[in-house]
Protein backbone atom coordinates (compact mmCIF):
# COMPACT_ATOMS: atom_id res chain seq x y z
CA UNK A 1 50.40 66.78 119.75
CA UNK A 2 54.04 66.01 119.07
CA UNK A 3 56.00 66.57 122.24
CA UNK A 4 59.57 66.25 121.06
CA UNK A 5 61.89 67.02 123.92
CA UNK A 6 65.63 67.35 123.70
CA UNK A 7 68.35 68.81 125.88
CA UNK A 8 71.76 70.27 125.21
CA UNK A 9 74.15 70.09 128.17
CA UNK A 10 76.01 73.32 128.82
CA UNK A 11 79.16 71.27 128.98
CA UNK A 12 79.89 67.81 127.69
CA UNK A 13 80.36 66.29 131.12
CA UNK A 14 81.39 66.99 134.67
CA UNK A 15 85.00 66.53 133.69
CA UNK A 16 84.60 69.33 131.14
CA UNK A 17 83.26 71.97 133.48
CA UNK A 18 86.32 74.15 133.05
CA UNK A 19 87.17 73.14 129.50
CA UNK A 20 85.49 76.27 128.14
CA UNK A 21 87.17 78.77 130.43
CA UNK A 22 88.03 82.11 128.95
CA UNK A 23 91.74 82.70 128.58
CA UNK A 24 91.48 86.34 129.63
CA UNK A 25 92.86 86.48 133.16
CA UNK A 26 93.00 89.95 134.70
CA UNK A 27 95.96 90.40 137.00
CA UNK A 28 98.14 93.08 138.48
CA UNK A 29 101.03 94.15 136.30
CA UNK A 30 104.65 94.50 137.36
CA UNK A 31 106.73 92.52 139.83
CA UNK A 32 105.52 92.68 143.43
CA UNK A 33 107.99 94.22 145.84
CA UNK A 34 106.43 92.82 149.00
CA UNK A 35 104.37 89.86 150.14
CA UNK A 36 100.96 91.49 149.78
CA UNK A 37 98.10 89.25 148.68
CA UNK A 38 96.82 90.08 145.21
CA UNK A 39 93.87 88.61 143.31
CA UNK A 40 93.00 87.65 139.76
CA UNK A 41 89.92 85.90 138.39
CA UNK A 42 88.73 83.87 135.47
CA UNK A 43 85.37 82.24 134.81
CA UNK A 44 83.95 79.58 132.57
CA UNK A 45 82.87 80.83 129.14
CA UNK A 46 79.27 82.03 129.21
CA UNK A 47 76.62 83.97 127.33
CA UNK A 48 73.58 86.16 127.93
CA UNK A 49 73.22 87.07 131.60
CA UNK A 50 75.85 84.55 132.63
CA UNK A 51 78.67 85.91 134.75
CA UNK A 52 81.91 85.76 132.79
CA UNK A 53 85.40 87.23 132.87
CA UNK A 54 84.37 90.31 130.91
CA UNK A 55 81.39 91.30 133.04
CA UNK A 56 82.71 90.20 136.43
CA UNK A 57 83.50 93.48 138.19
CA UNK A 58 83.31 92.50 141.85
CA UNK A 59 83.56 89.37 143.93
CA UNK A 60 83.81 88.59 147.64
CA UNK A 61 86.41 86.65 149.59
CA UNK A 62 86.60 84.71 152.82
CA UNK A 63 89.97 83.32 153.91
CA UNK A 64 91.02 81.12 156.82
CA UNK A 65 94.26 80.08 158.52
CA UNK A 66 95.21 77.92 161.50
CA UNK A 67 95.79 74.24 161.85
CA UNK A 68 92.12 73.46 161.25
CA UNK A 69 91.58 76.41 158.86
CA UNK A 70 88.93 78.05 161.03
CA UNK A 71 90.77 81.24 162.00
CA UNK A 72 89.22 84.08 160.00
CA UNK A 73 91.85 85.83 157.90
CA UNK A 74 89.53 87.65 155.48
CA UNK A 75 85.89 88.26 156.35
CA UNK A 76 83.68 88.84 153.31
CA UNK A 77 86.18 91.20 151.67
CA UNK A 78 84.96 93.00 148.53
CA UNK A 79 87.39 92.74 145.60
CA UNK A 80 86.71 95.11 142.68
CA UNK A 81 88.11 95.47 139.18
CA UNK A 82 89.75 98.77 138.26
CA UNK A 83 89.69 100.55 134.91
CA UNK A 84 93.06 98.96 134.12
CA UNK A 85 91.67 95.45 134.67
CA UNK A 86 93.44 94.85 137.97
CA UNK A 87 91.76 93.74 141.17
CA UNK A 88 91.88 95.78 144.36
CA UNK A 89 90.59 95.54 147.92
CA UNK A 90 91.04 97.30 151.25
CA UNK A 91 92.66 97.04 153.71
CA UNK A 92 95.55 95.25 152.02
CA UNK A 93 96.46 91.90 153.55
CA UNK A 94 99.87 90.21 153.65
CA UNK A 95 100.80 86.56 153.50
CA UNK A 96 101.18 85.17 157.02
CA UNK A 97 104.53 83.63 157.89
CA UNK A 98 104.76 79.85 158.09
CA UNK A 99 101.05 79.40 157.40
CA UNK A 100 98.91 78.47 154.47
CA UNK A 101 95.63 80.16 153.65
CA UNK A 102 92.36 78.73 152.33
CA UNK A 103 90.49 81.19 150.08
CA UNK A 104 86.79 81.10 149.16
CA UNK A 105 85.30 83.52 146.63
CA UNK A 106 81.84 84.08 145.19
CA UNK A 107 79.70 86.53 143.23
CA UNK A 108 77.33 88.24 143.46
CA UNK A 109 76.90 89.05 147.17
CA UNK A 110 74.56 86.15 147.90
CA UNK A 111 76.32 84.52 150.83
CA UNK A 112 74.61 86.71 153.43
CA UNK A 113 75.65 86.25 157.05
CA UNK A 114 76.84 82.68 156.56
CA UNK A 115 80.39 81.49 155.86
CA UNK A 116 81.80 79.02 153.31
CA UNK A 117 82.37 76.56 156.15
CA UNK A 118 78.61 76.09 156.48
CA UNK A 119 75.86 75.20 154.06
CA UNK A 120 74.60 78.44 152.51
CA UNK A 121 70.84 78.92 152.16
CA UNK A 122 69.83 80.35 148.78
CA UNK A 123 66.55 81.45 147.17
CA UNK A 124 66.74 81.34 143.36
CA UNK A 125 63.49 83.27 142.72
CA UNK A 126 62.94 84.91 140.23
CA UNK A 127 65.66 82.89 138.48
CA UNK A 128 67.36 85.77 136.70
CA UNK A 129 70.67 85.77 138.60
CA UNK A 130 73.69 83.64 137.86
CA UNK A 131 75.99 82.83 140.82
CA UNK A 132 79.59 81.66 140.77
CA UNK A 133 82.06 80.36 143.33
CA UNK A 134 85.76 79.49 143.60
CA UNK A 135 88.07 77.80 146.12
CA UNK A 136 91.86 78.08 146.42
CA UNK A 137 93.02 76.08 149.45
CA UNK A 138 96.43 75.73 151.05
CA UNK A 139 98.20 78.73 149.48
CA UNK A 140 101.26 80.57 150.73
CA UNK A 141 103.05 83.57 149.29
CA UNK A 142 106.69 84.30 148.57
CA UNK A 143 107.87 87.86 148.19
CA UNK A 144 108.58 88.70 144.54
CA UNK A 145 107.19 85.40 143.29
CA UNK A 146 104.21 84.96 140.97
CA UNK A 147 102.41 82.65 143.35
CA UNK A 148 101.83 85.56 145.68
CA UNK A 149 98.81 86.21 143.49
CA UNK A 150 95.63 84.24 144.11
CA UNK A 151 94.01 83.32 140.79
CA UNK A 152 90.41 82.21 141.21
CA UNK A 153 88.77 79.96 138.65
CA UNK A 154 85.04 80.46 139.17
CA UNK A 155 82.41 77.83 138.48
CA UNK A 156 78.67 78.23 138.02
CA UNK A 157 76.69 77.02 141.03
CA UNK A 158 73.28 76.86 139.34
CA UNK A 159 71.71 75.03 136.40
CA UNK A 160 70.65 77.15 133.43
CA UNK A 161 67.36 76.22 131.71
CA UNK A 162 66.00 77.44 128.36
CA UNK A 163 62.72 76.63 126.58
CA UNK A 164 62.53 76.70 122.76
CA UNK A 165 59.30 76.18 120.80
CA UNK A 166 58.36 75.69 117.15
CA UNK A 167 55.75 74.15 114.85
CA UNK A 168 56.63 72.34 111.63
CA UNK A 169 53.11 71.81 110.25
CA UNK A 170 52.30 74.57 107.73
CA UNK A 171 48.60 73.68 107.85
CA UNK A 172 48.39 74.66 111.51
CA UNK A 173 48.86 77.97 113.32
CA UNK A 174 49.91 77.63 116.95
CA UNK A 175 49.53 80.67 119.20
CA UNK A 176 51.16 80.53 122.63
CA UNK A 177 50.01 82.73 125.50
CA UNK A 178 51.95 81.45 128.52
CA UNK A 179 54.96 79.25 129.26
CA UNK A 180 56.23 78.33 132.74
CA UNK A 181 58.15 75.67 134.64
CA UNK A 182 55.99 74.11 137.33
CA UNK A 183 56.90 72.66 140.74
CA UNK A 184 60.52 73.81 140.65
CA UNK A 185 62.25 73.88 144.02
CA UNK A 186 63.25 77.50 144.53
CA UNK A 187 65.26 77.19 147.75
CA UNK A 188 68.18 75.03 148.78
CA UNK A 189 71.51 74.88 150.58
CA UNK A 190 74.84 75.19 148.78
CA UNK A 191 78.03 73.67 150.20
CA UNK A 192 81.42 74.88 149.01
CA UNK A 193 83.86 72.14 147.96
CA UNK A 194 87.10 71.55 149.81
CA UNK A 195 89.35 71.13 146.77
CA UNK A 196 90.62 73.74 144.33
CA UNK A 197 88.24 74.80 141.57
CA UNK A 198 91.29 75.37 139.38
CA UNK A 199 91.78 71.61 139.15
CA UNK A 200 89.98 69.13 136.91
CA UNK A 201 86.43 68.82 138.28
CA UNK A 202 85.90 65.96 140.69
CA UNK A 203 83.68 65.09 143.61
CA UNK A 204 86.00 66.99 145.97
CA UNK A 205 86.14 70.30 144.11
CA UNK A 206 82.60 70.85 142.79
CA UNK A 207 80.03 72.50 145.04
CA UNK A 208 76.93 70.53 146.06
CA UNK A 209 73.29 71.29 146.80
CA UNK A 210 70.93 69.82 149.38
CA UNK A 211 67.69 70.50 151.19
CA UNK A 212 65.84 71.71 148.09
CA UNK A 213 62.39 72.98 149.05
CA UNK A 214 59.56 75.45 148.30
CA UNK A 215 58.13 74.52 144.87
CA UNK A 216 57.46 77.49 142.61
CA UNK A 217 56.41 78.28 139.03
CA UNK A 218 58.99 80.15 136.96
CA UNK A 219 57.41 82.17 134.14
CA UNK A 220 59.14 82.37 130.76
CA UNK A 221 56.37 84.04 128.78
CA UNK A 222 53.06 85.62 129.76
CA UNK A 223 50.57 87.36 127.44
CA UNK A 224 48.31 90.13 128.68
CA UNK A 225 46.61 90.80 125.35
CA UNK A 226 46.54 89.47 121.79
CA UNK A 227 49.61 91.49 120.81
CA UNK A 228 51.69 89.43 123.25
CA UNK A 229 50.73 86.07 121.75
CA UNK A 230 53.58 84.16 120.11
CA UNK A 231 52.82 82.50 116.78
CA UNK A 232 55.17 79.56 116.35
CA UNK A 233 57.15 79.12 113.15
CA UNK A 234 59.51 76.44 111.89
CA UNK A 235 62.35 78.43 113.46
CA UNK A 236 62.65 77.73 117.22
CA UNK A 237 61.56 80.66 119.40
CA UNK A 238 63.34 81.28 122.68
CA UNK A 239 60.35 81.66 124.98
CA UNK A 240 62.40 83.45 127.62
CA UNK A 241 63.18 86.36 125.32
CA UNK A 242 59.63 87.51 124.61
CA UNK A 243 56.46 88.74 126.27
CA UNK A 244 55.97 89.61 129.90
CA UNK A 245 58.23 87.05 131.50
CA UNK A 246 61.36 88.18 133.32
CA UNK A 247 63.50 87.65 130.23
CA UNK A 248 66.05 85.08 129.17
CA UNK A 249 66.94 81.67 130.51
CA UNK A 250 66.44 80.79 134.17
CA UNK A 251 69.21 80.09 136.67
CA UNK A 252 67.77 77.41 138.93
CA UNK A 253 68.85 75.32 141.87
CA UNK A 254 70.11 71.87 140.75
CA UNK A 255 67.53 69.27 141.74
CA UNK A 256 65.95 65.90 141.06
CA UNK A 257 63.22 65.81 138.40
CA UNK A 258 60.24 63.48 138.18
CA UNK A 259 57.18 63.00 135.99
CA UNK A 260 55.15 60.12 137.34
CA UNK A 261 51.56 61.38 137.41
CA UNK A 262 51.17 63.16 134.07
CA UNK A 263 51.64 66.55 135.66
CA UNK A 264 49.83 65.87 138.90
CA UNK A 265 51.14 66.03 142.45
CA UNK A 266 54.81 66.95 142.67
CA UNK A 267 55.62 66.34 139.00
CA UNK A 268 58.07 68.82 137.41
CA UNK A 269 56.99 69.96 133.97
CA UNK A 270 56.81 72.72 131.38
CA UNK A 271 53.30 74.19 131.26
CA UNK A 272 52.27 75.65 127.89
CA UNK A 273 48.99 77.51 127.34
CA UNK A 274 48.16 77.70 123.64
CA UNK A 275 45.54 77.37 120.90
CA UNK A 276 45.82 75.69 117.49
CA UNK A 277 44.08 76.98 114.36
CA UNK A 278 43.59 75.87 110.77
CA UNK A 279 45.97 78.08 108.79
CA UNK A 280 43.73 78.37 105.71
CA UNK A 281 40.36 78.96 107.35
CA UNK A 282 41.35 80.36 110.73
CA UNK A 283 39.03 77.85 112.43
CA UNK A 284 40.06 76.88 115.94
CA UNK A 285 41.02 73.21 116.10
CA UNK A 286 42.25 72.90 119.69
CA UNK A 287 41.12 72.95 122.42
CA UNK A 288 37.68 71.72 121.44
CA UNK A 289 34.76 69.75 122.82
CA UNK A 290 36.86 66.57 122.81
CA UNK A 291 39.66 68.04 124.90
CA UNK A 292 39.96 66.41 128.37
CA UNK A 293 39.14 68.62 131.35
CA UNK A 294 42.74 68.56 132.60
CA UNK A 295 43.82 70.24 129.36
CA UNK A 296 41.29 73.06 129.59
CA UNK A 297 42.34 76.35 131.23
CA UNK A 298 39.27 77.72 132.96
CA UNK A 299 39.04 81.49 132.69
CA UNK A 300 41.75 81.74 130.05
CA UNK A 301 41.67 85.08 128.26
CA UNK A 302 42.17 83.32 124.93
CA UNK A 303 40.29 80.08 125.73
CA UNK A 304 43.56 78.19 125.57
CA UNK A 305 44.34 74.58 126.26
CA UNK A 306 47.10 73.39 128.56
CA UNK A 307 49.97 71.12 127.52
CA UNK A 308 52.44 69.57 129.96
CA UNK A 309 55.94 68.50 128.95
CA UNK A 310 58.08 66.54 131.46
CA UNK A 311 61.38 68.04 132.56
CA UNK A 312 62.74 64.60 133.39
CA UNK A 313 63.72 62.68 130.26
CA UNK A 314 65.18 59.32 129.34
CA UNK A 315 68.58 61.05 129.18
CA UNK A 316 68.59 62.66 132.62
CA UNK A 317 66.45 62.91 135.75
CA UNK A 318 68.15 65.79 137.52
CA UNK A 319 69.74 69.15 136.81
CA UNK A 320 73.44 69.48 137.55
CA UNK A 321 75.27 72.73 138.41
CA UNK A 322 77.12 74.34 135.53
CA UNK A 323 74.95 72.78 132.81
CA UNK A 324 72.66 74.55 130.34
CA UNK A 325 69.53 72.50 129.63
CA UNK A 326 67.67 73.45 126.44
CA UNK A 327 64.17 72.00 126.02
CA UNK A 328 62.98 71.99 122.40
CA UNK A 329 59.19 71.66 122.11
CA UNK A 330 57.56 70.91 118.76
CA UNK A 331 53.77 71.39 118.59
CA UNK A 332 51.94 69.98 115.57
CA UNK A 333 48.76 67.92 115.13
CA UNK A 334 46.64 66.50 117.92
CA UNK A 335 44.20 63.61 117.91
CA UNK A 336 41.61 65.79 119.66
CA UNK A 337 41.40 68.37 116.88
CA UNK A 338 38.77 66.39 114.94
CA UNK A 339 39.95 67.45 111.49
CA UNK A 340 38.34 65.54 108.59
CA UNK A 341 40.92 63.72 106.55
CA UNK A 342 40.71 61.18 103.69
CA UNK A 343 42.78 58.04 103.70
CA UNK A 344 43.65 55.44 101.08
CA UNK A 345 40.35 54.25 99.50
CA UNK A 346 39.44 50.64 99.00
CA UNK A 347 36.81 48.98 96.73
CA UNK A 348 35.01 45.79 97.63
CA UNK A 349 35.41 43.03 95.07
CA UNK A 350 32.30 41.78 93.35
CA UNK A 351 30.83 38.74 94.92
CA UNK A 352 30.17 36.15 92.30
CA UNK A 353 26.64 34.72 92.43
CA UNK A 354 26.15 32.19 89.68
CA UNK A 355 22.83 30.70 88.68
CA UNK A 356 22.36 28.01 86.00
CA UNK A 357 19.11 27.18 84.20
CA UNK A 358 18.67 24.02 82.20
């Protein structure tokens, strides 16, 4: 079975994390007549269920002052977008005199009872929610000046993972019943960076993850009956957009990936349940009596076989935050199918046997 595996990074590199930011920045109009703190927000360009500037309607803010920036100035304040695309919150806060303020923002409301000064525990199950964060440290306001407005540039905290499948062999019909990611760590701890997320990404201004734990299987597609089966074509099918999965790509905690035991133990892999048929006759070619036990799905509704595709590749061995990983799986022939084929014929040469009578 061909197991072609490719990935497409969401962004070209860590240094390009903000290169695709949308230019639409919502801000209050008019010239401020006092030193009130106002907000504006922009996010990296995104698609599907990704949070972006257009669909971001609320975010939450912590702010700190003091010499060591531990005095709480704003405590999980909700900032909402109005119908005129301005941002509002209550009660209104004013810039403190002779002090700078460190701002931390995030969406959706996933921070819980923690604070940005501590590692934030997060559970990514069921993987359908994008989360973003922003940091604006060391700001001070001046009455009537533009810098009285805090403009957050949000970054994505999770990795986005898509699975695409196709078959390029017209003689075969591949029907897929289930697709899932196996042994994915669903919980971890996120640490806000200290530097500004409005600056070029660097080690000091990109959030980090640690303590990943609790392996889980994330379902992309699940068939309950024959009508839910996906027949692969030469055009890649987004497995997250069909069937009884939770829909779309998954937003998962960045983590190390390994595939050392062919899908055993703690290996991370894509699990595909499918069957392969002869297109002309409809005869089932795989799985068959030659299929190894580890590729047989006992109790499968459709008597499917199991394929495992590693998530770790020669190009990368971990998922990074803010990247979109696209796995392209191509399923064609398999040595276990037992199809009868004819190769190039050969003909033995005559062996000369010469006898002489005199």
